[in-house]
Amino acid sequence: MGNVKITQVRSHNNSTDKQKATLRALNLGKINRSAECPLTSVTKGQIAAVSHLVKVETL
């Protein structure tokens, strides 16, 4: 597929524990922290779960 760059743009305060765990799985956790990862069906699902907290760019 391809790679995506995921950047956390909002705080995880007042998020559910499941959403916080998803951010940790994506190697995020602080605002403006970025991570590159391959775009797979698993990654798409993780991005969808925290889409209100992150910005996604295709590489």
PDB file of N, CA and C in Angstrom:
ATOM      1  N   MET A   1       0.837  -1.175   0.000  1.00  0.00           N
ATOM      2  CA  MET A   1       0.000   0.000   0.000  1.00  0.00           C
ATOM      3  C   MET A   1       0.886   1.244   0.000  1.00  0.00           C
ATOM      4  N   GLY A   2       1.307   1.736   1.126  1.00  0.00           N
ATOM      5  CA  GLY A   2       2.138   2.919   1.226  1.00  0.00           C
ATOM      6  C   GLY A   2       2.363   3.257   2.674  1.00  0.00           C
ATOM      7  N   ASN A   3       3.075   4.325   2.878  1.00  0.00           N
ATOM      8  CA  ASN A   3       3.331   4.771   4.245  1.00  0.00           C
ATOM      9  C   ASN A   3       2.526   6.023   4.537  1.00  0.00           C
ATOM     10  N   VAL A   4       2.230   6.228   5.800  1.00  0.00           N
ATOM     11  CA  VAL A   4       1.542   7.430   6.246  1.00  0.00           C
ATOM     12  C   VAL A   4       2.303   8.030   7.411  1.00  0.00           C
ATOM     13  N   LYS A   5       2.210   9.344   7.529  1.00  0.00           N
ATOM     14  CA  LYS A   5       2.777  10.055   8.671  1.00  0.00           C
ATOM     15  C   LYS A   5       1.604  10.498   9.527  1.00  0.00           C
ATOM     16  N   ILE A   6       1.603  10.071  10.767  1.00  0.00           N
ATOM     17  CA  ILE A   6       0.515  10.367  11.693  1.00  0.00           C
ATOM     18  C   ILE A   6       1.050  11.325  12.743  1.00  0.00           C
ATOM     19  N   THR A   7       0.381  12.459  12.924  1.00  0.00           N
ATOM     20  CA  THR A   7       0.783  13.463  13.896  1.00  0.00           C
ATOM     21  C   THR A   7      -0.362  13.697  14.861  1.00  0.00           C
ATOM     22  N   GLN A   8      -0.061  13.648  16.138  1.00  0.00           N
ATOM     23  CA  GLN A   8      -1.086  13.928  17.146  1.00  0.00           C
ATOM     24  C   GLN A   8      -1.242  15.434  17.254  1.00  0.00           C
ATOM     25  N   VAL A   9      -2.466  15.933  17.092  1.00  0.00           N
ATOM     26  CA  VAL A   9      -2.710  17.373  17.115  1.00  0.00           C
ATOM     27  C   VAL A   9      -3.572  17.806  18.298  1.00  0.00           C
ATOM     28  N   ARG A  10      -4.194  16.848  18.992  1.00  0.00           N
ATOM     29  CA  ARG A  10      -5.003  17.186  20.161  1.00  0.00           C
ATOM     30  C   ARG A  10      -4.619  16.289  21.323  1.00  0.00           C
ATOM     31  N   SER A  11      -4.869  16.779  22.511  1.00  0.00           N
ATOM     32  CA  SER A  11      -4.538  16.048  23.725  1.00  0.00           C
ATOM     33  C   SER A  11      -5.463  14.840  23.897  1.00  0.00           C
ATOM     34  N   HIS A  12      -4.951  13.821  24.575  1.00  0.00           N
ATOM     35  CA  HIS A  12      -5.767  12.640  24.852  1.00  0.00           C
ATOM     36  C   HIS A  12      -6.512  12.758  26.171  1.00  0.00           C
ATOM     37  N   ASN A  13      -6.463  13.917  26.814  1.00  0.00           N
ATOM     38  CA  ASN A  13      -7.271  14.131  28.021  1.00  0.00           C
ATOM     39  C   ASN A  13      -8.740  13.975  27.669  1.00  0.00           C
ATOM     40  N   ASN A  14      -9.500  13.395  28.551  1.00  0.00           N
ATOM     41  CA  ASN A  14     -10.926  13.122  28.377  1.00  0.00           C
ATOM     42  C   ASN A  14     -11.204  12.104  27.282  1.00  0.00           C
ATOM     43  N   SER A  15     -10.182  11.372  26.843  1.00  0.00           N
ATOM     44  CA  SER A  15     -10.384  10.273  25.907  1.00  0.00           C
ATOM     45  C   SER A  15     -10.543   8.986  26.706  1.00  0.00           C
ATOM     46  N   THR A  16     -11.109   7.986  26.063  1.00  0.00           N
ATOM     47  CA  THR A  16     -11.278   6.704  26.742  1.00  0.00           C
ATOM     48  C   THR A  16      -9.931   5.993  26.847  1.00  0.00           C
ATOM     49  N   ASP A  17      -9.870   5.019  27.726  1.00  0.00           N
ATOM     50  CA  ASP A  17      -8.639   4.244  27.892  1.00  0.00           C
ATOM     51  C   ASP A  17      -8.278   3.519  26.597  1.00  0.00           C
ATOM     52  N   LYS A  18      -9.290   3.095  25.863  1.00  0.00           N
ATOM     53  CA  LYS A  18      -9.057   2.398  24.600  1.00  0.00           C
ATOM     54  C   LYS A  18      -8.391   3.323  23.583  1.00  0.00           C
ATOM     55  N   GLN A  19      -8.834   4.588  23.531  1.00  0.00           N
ATOM     56  CA  GLN A  19      -8.226   5.556  22.610  1.00  0.00           C
ATOM     57  C   GLN A  19      -6.794   5.882  23.033  1.00  0.00           C
ATOM     58  N   LYS A  20      -6.539   5.981  24.321  1.00  0.00           N
ATOM     59  CA  LYS A  20      -5.180   6.230  24.806  1.00  0.00           C
ATOM     60  C   LYS A  20      -4.261   5.077  24.442  1.00  0.00           C
ATOM     61  N   ALA A  21      -4.768   3.858  24.552  1.00  0.00           N
ATOM     62  CA  ALA A  21      -3.972   2.687  24.188  1.00  0.00           C
ATOM     63  C   ALA A  21      -3.689   2.667  22.693  1.00  0.00           C
ATOM     64  N   THR A  22      -4.641   3.107  21.898  1.00  0.00           N
ATOM     65  CA  THR A  22      -4.430   3.169  20.452  1.00  0.00           C
ATOM     66  C   THR A  22      -3.356   4.182  20.111  1.00  0.00           C
ATOM     67  N   LEU A  23      -3.343   5.334  20.785  1.00  0.00           N
ATOM     68  CA  LEU A  23      -2.291   6.320  20.553  1.00  0.00           C
ATOM     69  C   LEU A  23      -0.927   5.749  20.920  1.00  0.00           C
ATOM     70  N   ARG A  24      -0.856   5.012  22.029  1.00  0.00           N
ATOM     71  CA  ARG A  24       0.414   4.394  22.410  1.00  0.00           C
ATOM     72  C   ARG A  24       0.856   3.369  21.375  1.00  0.00           C
ATOM     73  N   ALA A  25      -0.090   2.617  20.817  1.00  0.00           N
ATOM     74  CA  ALA A  25       0.234   1.620  19.800  1.00  0.00           C
ATOM     75  C   ALA A  25       0.752   2.280  18.525  1.00  0.00           C
ATOM     76  N   LEU A  26       0.327   3.512  18.272  1.00  0.00           N
ATOM     77  CA  LEU A  26       0.793   4.256  17.097  1.00  0.00           C
ATOM     78  C   LEU A  26       2.066   5.053  17.394  1.00  0.00           C
ATOM     79  N   ASN A  27       2.667   4.834  18.560  1.00  0.00           N
ATOM     80  CA  ASN A  27       3.885   5.542  19.002  1.00  0.00           C
ATOM     81  C   ASN A  27       3.651   7.038  19.146  1.00  0.00           C
ATOM     82  N   LEU A  28       2.470   7.407  19.593  1.00  0.00           N
ATOM     83  CA  LEU A  28       2.147   8.805  19.868  1.00  0.00           C
ATOM     84  C   LEU A  28       1.900   8.945  21.365  1.00  0.00           C
ATOM     85  N   GLY A  29       1.484  10.095  21.799  1.00  0.00           N
ATOM     86  CA  GLY A  29       1.207  10.276  23.217  1.00  0.00           C
ATOM     87  C   GLY A  29       1.326  11.719  23.654  1.00  0.00           C
ATOM     88  N   LYS A  30       2.059  12.511  22.878  1.00  0.00           N
ATOM     89  CA  LYS A  30       2.180  13.938  23.173  1.00  0.00           C
ATOM     90  C   LYS A  30       1.790  14.721  21.926  1.00  0.00           C
ATOM     91  N   ILE A  31       1.294  15.911  22.133  1.00  0.00           N
ATOM     92  CA  ILE A  31       0.901  16.753  21.013  1.00  0.00           C
ATOM     93  C   ILE A  31       2.122  17.055  20.151  1.00  0.00           C
ATOM     94  N   ASN A  32       1.932  17.046  18.845  1.00  0.00           N
ATOM     95  CA  ASN A  32       2.949  17.298  17.818  1.00  0.00           C
ATOM     96  C   ASN A  32       3.962  16.175  17.676  1.00  0.00           C
ATOM     97  N   ARG A  33       3.761  15.054  18.307  1.00  0.00           N
ATOM     98  CA  ARG A  33       4.630  13.897  18.083  1.00  0.00           C
ATOM     99  C   ARG A  33       4.148  13.183  16.823  1.00  0.00           C
ATOM    100  N   SER A  34       5.090  12.781  15.965  1.00  0.00           N
ATOM    101  CA  SER A  34       4.748  12.136  14.700  1.00  0.00           C
ATOM    102  C   SER A  34       5.331  10.741  14.640  1.00  0.00           C
ATOM    103  N   ALA A  35       4.709   9.910  13.815  1.00  0.00           N
ATOM    104  CA  ALA A  35       5.192   8.558  13.583  1.00  0.00           C
ATOM    105  C   ALA A  35       4.862   8.169  12.147  1.00  0.00           C
ATOM    106  N   GLU A  36       5.773   7.435  11.531  1.00  0.00           N
ATOM    107  CA  GLU A  36       5.537   6.893  10.199  1.00  0.00           C
ATOM    108  C   GLU A  36       5.251   5.416  10.329  1.00  0.00           C
ATOM    109  N   CYS A  37       4.261   4.947   9.597  1.00  0.00           N
ATOM    110  CA  CYS A  37       3.958   3.530   9.619  1.00  0.00           C
ATOM    111  C   CYS A  37       3.311   3.121   8.302  1.00  0.00           C
ATOM    112  N   PRO A  38       3.389   1.848   7.964  1.00  0.00           N
ATOM    113  CA  PRO A  38       2.771   1.380   6.721  1.00  0.00           C
ATOM    114  C   PRO A  38       1.250   1.436   6.835  1.00  0.00           C
ATOM    115  N   LEU A  39       0.608   1.718   5.725  1.00  0.00           N
ATOM    116  CA  LEU A  39      -0.852   1.816   5.711  1.00  0.00           C
ATOM    117  C   LEU A  39      -1.431   0.431   5.456  1.00  0.00           C
ATOM    118  N   THR A  40      -1.838  -0.223   6.519  1.00  0.00           N
ATOM    119  CA  THR A  40      -2.465  -1.537   6.434  1.00  0.00           C
ATOM    120  C   THR A  40      -3.884  -1.413   6.956  1.00  0.00           C
ATOM    121  N   SER A  41      -4.632  -2.494   6.862  1.00  0.00           N
ATOM    122  CA  SER A  41      -6.005  -2.450   7.363  1.00  0.00           C
ATOM    123  C   SER A  41      -6.038  -2.222   8.870  1.00  0.00           C
ATOM    124  N   VAL A  42      -5.048  -2.736   9.578  1.00  0.00           N
ATOM    125  CA  VAL A  42      -4.963  -2.538  11.034  1.00  0.00           C
ATOM    126  C   VAL A  42      -4.717  -1.067  11.338  1.00  0.00           C
ATOM    127  N   THR A  43      -3.757  -0.471  10.623  1.00  0.00           N
ATOM    128  CA  THR A  43      -3.431   0.936  10.845  1.00  0.00           C
ATOM    129  C   THR A  43      -4.623   1.829  10.495  1.00  0.00           C
ATOM    130  N   LYS A  44      -5.331   1.492   9.434  1.00  0.00           N
ATOM    131  CA  LYS A  44      -6.522   2.270   9.060  1.00  0.00           C
ATOM    132  C   LYS A  44      -7.550   2.264  10.177  1.00  0.00           C
ATOM    133  N   GLY A  45      -7.745   1.102  10.802  1.00  0.00           N
ATOM    134  CA  GLY A  45      -8.686   1.007  11.911  1.00  0.00           C
ATOM    135  C   GLY A  45      -8.245   1.809  13.117  1.00  0.00           C
ATOM    136  N   GLN A  46      -6.946   1.800  13.400  1.00  0.00           N
ATOM    137  CA  GLN A  46      -6.423   2.577  14.523  1.00  0.00           C
ATOM    138  C   GLN A  46      -6.603   4.066  14.256  1.00  0.00           C
ATOM    139  N   ILE A  47      -6.320   4.496  13.032  1.00  0.00           N
ATOM    140  CA  ILE A  47      -6.483   5.912  12.681  1.00  0.00           C
ATOM    141  C   ILE A  47      -7.943   6.318  12.803  1.00  0.00           C
ATOM    142  N   ALA A  48      -8.844   5.463  12.361  1.00  0.00           N
ATOM    143  CA  ALA A  48     -10.273   5.768  12.449  1.00  0.00           C
ATOM    144  C   ALA A  48     -10.728   5.920  13.904  1.00  0.00           C
ATOM    145  N   ALA A  49     -10.128   5.145  14.795  1.00  0.00           N
ATOM    146  CA  ALA A  49     -10.527   5.182  16.213  1.00  0.00           C
ATOM    147  C   ALA A  49     -10.124   6.479  16.889  1.00  0.00           C
ATOM    148  N   VAL A  50      -9.055   7.116  16.419  1.00  0.00           N
ATOM    149  CA  VAL A  50      -8.574   8.345  17.048  1.00  0.00           C
ATOM    150  C   VAL A  50      -8.482   9.491  16.030  1.00  0.00           C
ATOM    151  N   SER A  51      -9.328   9.451  15.019  1.00  0.00           N
ATOM    152  CA  SER A  51      -9.251  10.435  13.934  1.00  0.00           C
ATOM    153  C   SER A  51      -9.453  11.869  14.417  1.00  0.00           C
ATOM    154  N   HIS A  52     -10.155  12.050  15.516  1.00  0.00           N
ATOM    155  CA  HIS A  52     -10.385  13.391  16.045  1.00  0.00           C
ATOM    156  C   HIS A  52      -9.174  13.938  16.798  1.00  0.00           C
ATOM    157  N   LEU A  53      -8.155  13.093  17.011  1.00  0.00           N
ATOM    158  CA  LEU A  53      -6.952  13.514  17.749  1.00  0.00           C
ATOM    159  C   LEU A  53      -5.713  13.616  16.875  1.00  0.00           C
ATOM    160  N   VAL A  54      -5.765  13.100  15.654  1.00  0.00           N
ATOM    161  CA  VAL A  54      -4.566  13.011  14.819  1.00  0.00           C
ATOM    162  C   VAL A  54      -4.805  13.638  13.438  1.00  0.00           C
ATOM    163  N   LYS A  55      -3.664  13.935  12.786  1.00  0.00           N
ATOM    164  CA  LYS A  55      -3.656  14.392  11.386  1.00  0.00           C
ATOM    165  C   LYS A  55      -2.851  13.366  10.613  1.00  0.00           C
ATOM    166  N   VAL A  56      -3.339  12.972   9.437  1.00  0.00           N
ATOM    167  CA  VAL A  56      -2.704  11.917   8.653  1.00  0.00           C
ATOM    168  C   VAL A  56      -2.260  12.494   7.315  1.00  0.00           C
ATOM    169  N   GLU A  57      -1.012  12.203   6.948  1.00  0.00           N
ATOM    170  CA  GLU A  57      -0.465  12.623   5.650  1.00  0.00           C
ATOM    171  C   GLU A  57       0.062  11.379   4.955  1.00  0.00           C
ATOM    172  N   THR A  58      -0.214  11.244   3.659  1.00  0.00           N
ATOM    173  CA  THR A  58       0.349  10.127   2.909  1.00  0.00           C
ATOM    174  C   THR A  58       1.741  10.512   2.426  1.00  0.00           C
ATOM    175  N   LEU A  59       2.626   9.520   2.380  1.00  0.00           N
ATOM    176  CA  LEU A  59       3.998   9.755   1.944  1.00  0.00           C
ATOM    177  C   LEU A  59       4.229   9.139   0.589  1.00  0.00           C
TER     178      LEU A  59
END
